[in-house]
Amino acid sequence: MELPLPTATARIDFAATYGGFQLGFGAFLWACARRPAWLEPGLWAAAAALAGFAGVRLLSIVLTPGPPLPRIYGFLALELSGAALSVWALRQVRRGPA
């Protein structure tokens, strides 16, 4: 995907950002899903993180000269969908049992 990582520092930072963070955040969300009291904060965290990724990705698409690879739009769609689903789930949790 056109992201050369020419130095050890670049490879380490990339692994920490796109590996370590996802693993840690995934573990946090898993813990939130298993504890009823943590469910709402977990949904807020998921919605905020995905909306942040989508917002910066969209802003970058608009402001960066030249077209991105088509897969960038797929990533944007996944992030927007995930944020929307998190907000929907949050509303369901806040509404309570029917």
N, C-alpha and C. Protein backbone atom coordinates (compact mmCIF):
# COMPACT_ATOMS: atom_id res chain seq x y z
N MET A 1 0.82 -1.20 0.00
CA MET A 1 0.00 0.00 0.00
C MET A 1 0.86 1.25 0.00
N GLU A 2 1.82 1.45 -0.72
CA GLU A 2 2.56 2.69 -0.88
C GLU A 2 2.99 3.37 0.41
N LEU A 3 3.34 2.61 1.43
CA LEU A 3 3.84 3.20 2.67
C LEU A 3 5.21 2.61 2.97
N PRO A 4 6.25 3.11 2.32
CA PRO A 4 7.58 2.56 2.60
C PRO A 4 8.00 2.87 4.03
N LEU A 5 8.62 1.91 4.64
CA LEU A 5 9.14 2.06 6.00
C LEU A 5 10.64 1.80 5.94
N PRO A 6 11.41 2.82 5.58
CA PRO A 6 12.82 2.62 5.26
C PRO A 6 13.75 2.44 6.45
N THR A 7 13.31 2.79 7.65
CA THR A 7 14.22 2.70 8.79
C THR A 7 13.62 1.82 9.88
N ALA A 8 14.48 1.37 10.77
CA ALA A 8 14.01 0.57 11.91
C ALA A 8 13.04 1.38 12.76
N THR A 9 13.31 2.66 12.94
CA THR A 9 12.42 3.51 13.73
C THR A 9 11.04 3.58 13.09
N ALA A 10 10.98 3.73 11.79
CA ALA A 10 9.69 3.79 11.09
C ALA A 10 8.94 2.48 11.25
N ARG A 11 9.62 1.34 11.11
CA ARG A 11 8.97 0.04 11.23
C ARG A 11 8.47 -0.20 12.65
N ILE A 12 9.25 0.20 13.65
CA ILE A 12 8.85 0.03 15.05
C ILE A 12 7.64 0.90 15.36
N ASP A 13 7.66 2.14 14.91
CA ASP A 13 6.54 3.04 15.17
C ASP A 13 5.28 2.55 14.46
N PHE A 14 5.41 2.07 13.24
CA PHE A 14 4.27 1.54 12.49
C PHE A 14 3.68 0.33 13.22
N ALA A 15 4.54 -0.58 13.69
CA ALA A 15 4.06 -1.76 14.40
C ALA A 15 3.35 -1.38 15.70
N ALA A 16 3.90 -0.41 16.42
CA ALA A 16 3.27 0.02 17.67
C ALA A 16 1.92 0.66 17.40
N THR A 17 1.84 1.51 16.38
CA THR A 17 0.61 2.21 16.08
C THR A 17 -0.44 1.29 15.50
N TYR A 18 -0.06 0.47 14.51
CA TYR A 18 -1.04 -0.35 13.80
C TYR A 18 -1.06 -1.79 14.29
N GLY A 19 -0.39 -2.09 15.35
CA GLY A 19 -0.44 -3.42 15.94
C GLY A 19 -0.72 -3.32 17.42
N GLY A 20 0.15 -2.63 18.10
CA GLY A 20 0.02 -2.52 19.55
C GLY A 20 -1.24 -1.80 19.98
N PHE A 21 -1.54 -0.68 19.35
CA PHE A 21 -2.75 0.04 19.74
C PHE A 21 -4.00 -0.79 19.48
N GLN A 22 -4.08 -1.42 18.30
CA GLN A 22 -5.26 -2.21 17.98
C GLN A 22 -5.43 -3.37 18.95
N LEU A 23 -4.34 -4.03 19.30
CA LEU A 23 -4.44 -5.12 20.27
C LEU A 23 -4.89 -4.62 21.64
N GLY A 24 -4.30 -3.54 22.10
CA GLY A 24 -4.68 -2.99 23.40
C GLY A 24 -6.11 -2.47 23.42
N PHE A 25 -6.50 -1.77 22.39
CA PHE A 25 -7.86 -1.23 22.32
C PHE A 25 -8.87 -2.36 22.16
N GLY A 26 -8.53 -3.36 21.37
CA GLY A 26 -9.39 -4.52 21.22
C GLY A 26 -9.59 -5.25 22.54
N ALA A 27 -8.52 -5.39 23.32
CA ALA A 27 -8.64 -6.02 24.63
C ALA A 27 -9.53 -5.20 25.56
N PHE A 28 -9.39 -3.88 25.50
CA PHE A 28 -10.25 -3.01 26.30
C PHE A 28 -11.71 -3.18 25.90
N LEU A 29 -11.99 -3.17 24.60
CA LEU A 29 -13.37 -3.33 24.14
C LEU A 29 -13.92 -4.70 24.50
N TRP A 30 -13.10 -5.72 24.45
CA TRP A 30 -13.52 -7.07 24.87
C TRP A 30 -13.90 -7.06 26.35
N ALA A 31 -13.08 -6.41 27.17
CA ALA A 31 -13.40 -6.31 28.59
C ALA A 31 -14.69 -5.54 28.80
N CYS A 32 -14.89 -4.48 28.04
CA CYS A 32 -16.13 -3.69 28.14
C CYS A 32 -17.35 -4.53 27.78
N ALA A 33 -17.22 -5.38 26.78
CA ALA A 33 -18.34 -6.22 26.36
C ALA A 33 -18.69 -7.26 27.41
N ARG A 34 -17.75 -7.63 28.24
CA ARG A 34 -17.98 -8.66 29.26
C ARG A 34 -18.46 -8.11 30.60
N ARG A 35 -18.39 -6.81 30.77
CA ARG A 35 -18.81 -6.19 32.03
C ARG A 35 -19.93 -5.19 31.75
N PRO A 36 -21.14 -5.47 32.21
CA PRO A 36 -22.27 -4.59 31.90
C PRO A 36 -22.01 -3.12 32.24
N ALA A 37 -21.34 -2.85 33.33
CA ALA A 37 -21.09 -1.46 33.73
C ALA A 37 -20.10 -0.76 32.78
N TRP A 38 -19.32 -1.52 32.05
CA TRP A 38 -18.34 -0.96 31.13
C TRP A 38 -18.87 -0.86 29.70
N LEU A 39 -20.04 -1.40 29.42
CA LEU A 39 -20.53 -1.46 28.05
C LEU A 39 -20.69 -0.06 27.44
N GLU A 40 -21.31 0.85 28.17
CA GLU A 40 -21.51 2.19 27.63
C GLU A 40 -20.19 2.92 27.38
N PRO A 41 -19.24 2.91 28.33
CA PRO A 41 -17.95 3.56 28.04
C PRO A 41 -17.23 2.91 26.85
N GLY A 42 -17.35 1.61 26.70
CA GLY A 42 -16.72 0.93 25.57
C GLY A 42 -17.32 1.37 24.24
N LEU A 43 -18.64 1.53 24.21
CA LEU A 43 -19.29 2.00 22.99
C LEU A 43 -18.91 3.43 22.67
N TRP A 44 -18.82 4.27 23.70
CA TRP A 44 -18.36 5.65 23.48
C TRP A 44 -16.93 5.65 22.92
N ALA A 45 -16.07 4.82 23.49
CA ALA A 45 -14.68 4.76 23.03
C ALA A 45 -14.60 4.29 21.58
N ALA A 46 -15.36 3.25 21.25
CA ALA A 46 -15.35 2.73 19.88
C ALA A 46 -15.87 3.79 18.90
N ALA A 47 -16.97 4.44 19.26
CA ALA A 47 -17.54 5.48 18.39
C ALA A 47 -16.56 6.62 18.20
N ALA A 48 -15.94 7.07 19.27
CA ALA A 48 -15.00 8.19 19.18
C ALA A 48 -13.77 7.83 18.35
N ALA A 49 -13.22 6.65 18.58
CA ALA A 49 -12.03 6.24 17.84
C ALA A 49 -12.34 6.11 16.35
N LEU A 50 -13.42 5.43 16.02
CA LEU A 50 -13.77 5.24 14.61
C LEU A 50 -14.14 6.55 13.93
N ALA A 51 -14.87 7.41 14.64
CA ALA A 51 -15.21 8.73 14.08
C ALA A 51 -13.95 9.56 13.88
N GLY A 52 -12.99 9.46 14.80
CA GLY A 52 -11.73 10.18 14.65
C GLY A 52 -10.95 9.71 13.43
N PHE A 53 -10.84 8.39 13.26
CA PHE A 53 -10.17 7.85 12.08
C PHE A 53 -10.88 8.33 10.81
N ALA A 54 -12.21 8.20 10.78
CA ALA A 54 -12.97 8.58 9.59
C ALA A 54 -12.85 10.08 9.31
N GLY A 55 -12.95 10.90 10.35
CA GLY A 55 -12.89 12.34 10.17
C GLY A 55 -11.55 12.80 9.61
N VAL A 56 -10.48 12.30 10.17
CA VAL A 56 -9.15 12.70 9.68
C VAL A 56 -8.90 12.11 8.29
N ARG A 57 -9.38 10.89 8.05
CA ARG A 57 -9.21 10.29 6.72
C ARG A 57 -9.96 11.12 5.67
N LEU A 58 -11.20 11.51 5.98
CA LEU A 58 -12.00 12.31 5.05
C LEU A 58 -11.36 13.67 4.82
N LEU A 59 -10.94 14.32 5.88
CA LEU A 59 -10.27 15.61 5.75
C LEU A 59 -9.00 15.49 4.91
N SER A 60 -8.26 14.42 5.12
CA SER A 60 -7.04 14.20 4.34
C SER A 60 -7.34 13.94 2.88
N ILE A 61 -8.43 13.21 2.59
CA ILE A 61 -8.82 12.97 1.20
C ILE A 61 -9.11 14.30 0.51
N VAL A 62 -9.80 15.18 1.22
CA VAL A 62 -10.18 16.48 0.64
C VAL A 62 -8.97 17.40 0.48
N LEU A 63 -8.08 17.41 1.45
CA LEU A 63 -6.99 18.40 1.45
C LEU A 63 -5.70 17.94 0.79
N THR A 64 -5.54 16.63 0.58
CA THR A 64 -4.29 16.13 0.01
C THR A 64 -4.37 16.14 -1.51
N PRO A 65 -3.40 16.75 -2.17
CA PRO A 65 -3.42 16.75 -3.64
C PRO A 65 -3.26 15.33 -4.19
N GLY A 66 -3.96 15.06 -5.25
CA GLY A 66 -3.86 13.76 -5.91
C GLY A 66 -4.82 12.76 -5.32
N PRO A 67 -5.24 11.82 -6.14
CA PRO A 67 -6.21 10.82 -5.68
C PRO A 67 -5.55 9.72 -4.86
N PRO A 68 -6.22 9.27 -3.80
CA PRO A 68 -5.69 8.13 -3.04
C PRO A 68 -6.03 6.82 -3.75
N LEU A 69 -5.44 5.75 -3.29
CA LEU A 69 -5.82 4.44 -3.80
C LEU A 69 -7.28 4.18 -3.44
N PRO A 70 -8.01 3.45 -4.27
CA PRO A 70 -9.43 3.19 -3.99
C PRO A 70 -9.69 2.54 -2.63
N ARG A 71 -8.76 1.75 -2.13
CA ARG A 71 -8.99 1.08 -0.84
C ARG A 71 -9.16 2.08 0.31
N ILE A 72 -8.65 3.29 0.16
CA ILE A 72 -8.83 4.32 1.18
C ILE A 72 -10.32 4.59 1.39
N TYR A 73 -11.08 4.59 0.29
CA TYR A 73 -12.52 4.81 0.40
C TYR A 73 -13.21 3.63 1.09
N GLY A 74 -12.69 2.44 0.89
CA GLY A 74 -13.20 1.27 1.60
C GLY A 74 -12.95 1.38 3.09
N PHE A 75 -11.75 1.82 3.46
CA PHE A 75 -11.44 2.02 4.88
C PHE A 75 -12.36 3.07 5.49
N LEU A 76 -12.57 4.16 4.73
CA LEU A 76 -13.46 5.22 5.20
C LEU A 76 -14.87 4.68 5.43
N ALA A 77 -15.35 3.87 4.51
CA ALA A 77 -16.70 3.29 4.64
C ALA A 77 -16.78 2.39 5.87
N LEU A 78 -15.75 1.59 6.12
CA LEU A 78 -15.74 0.73 7.30
C LEU A 78 -15.74 1.55 8.59
N GLU A 79 -14.93 2.59 8.62
CA GLU A 79 -14.86 3.43 9.82
C GLU A 79 -16.17 4.16 10.08
N LEU A 80 -16.78 4.70 9.03
CA LEU A 80 -18.07 5.38 9.20
C LEU A 80 -19.15 4.39 9.63
N SER A 81 -19.15 3.20 9.04
CA SER A 81 -20.12 2.18 9.42
C SER A 81 -19.93 1.75 10.87
N GLY A 82 -18.70 1.54 11.25
CA GLY A 82 -18.41 1.15 12.64
C GLY A 82 -18.81 2.22 13.63
N ALA A 83 -18.55 3.47 13.30
CA ALA A 83 -18.94 4.57 14.19
C ALA A 83 -20.46 4.64 14.30
N ALA A 84 -21.15 4.51 13.17
CA ALA A 84 -22.61 4.56 13.18
C ALA A 84 -23.19 3.39 13.98
N LEU A 85 -22.64 2.20 13.79
CA LEU A 85 -23.12 1.04 14.56
C LEU A 85 -22.86 1.22 16.05
N SER A 86 -21.74 1.79 16.41
CA SER A 86 -21.44 2.04 17.82
C SER A 86 -22.43 3.02 18.42
N VAL A 87 -22.75 4.08 17.69
CA VAL A 87 -23.73 5.05 18.18
C VAL A 87 -25.11 4.40 18.29
N TRP A 88 -25.48 3.60 17.30
CA TRP A 88 -26.77 2.88 17.36
C TRP A 88 -26.82 1.97 18.58
N ALA A 89 -25.75 1.20 18.81
CA ALA A 89 -25.70 0.30 19.97
C ALA A 89 -25.75 1.09 21.27
N LEU A 90 -25.08 2.21 21.32
CA LEU A 90 -25.10 3.06 22.50
C LEU A 90 -26.52 3.53 22.80
N ARG A 91 -27.24 3.92 21.77
CA ARG A 91 -28.63 4.35 21.96
C ARG A 91 -29.49 3.20 22.47
N GLN A 92 -29.24 1.99 21.99
CA GLN A 92 -29.99 0.84 22.45
C GLN A 92 -29.70 0.53 23.92
N VAL A 93 -28.44 0.64 24.29
CA VAL A 93 -28.05 0.40 25.68
C VAL A 93 -28.67 1.45 26.60
N ARG A 94 -28.64 2.70 26.18
CA ARG A 94 -29.18 3.78 27.00
C ARG A 94 -30.70 3.69 27.12
N ARG A 95 -31.34 3.15 26.10
CA ARG A 95 -32.79 2.99 26.11
C ARG A 95 -33.22 1.93 27.11
N GLY A 96 -32.36 0.93 27.30
CA GLY A 96 -32.66 -0.13 28.25
C GLY A 96 -33.54 -1.22 27.65
N PRO A 97 -33.82 -2.23 28.46
CA PRO A 97 -34.64 -3.34 27.97
C PRO A 97 -36.05 -2.88 27.62
N ALA A 98 -36.58 -3.48 26.57
CA ALA A 98 -37.93 -3.10 26.12
C ALA A 98 -39.01 -3.67 27.01
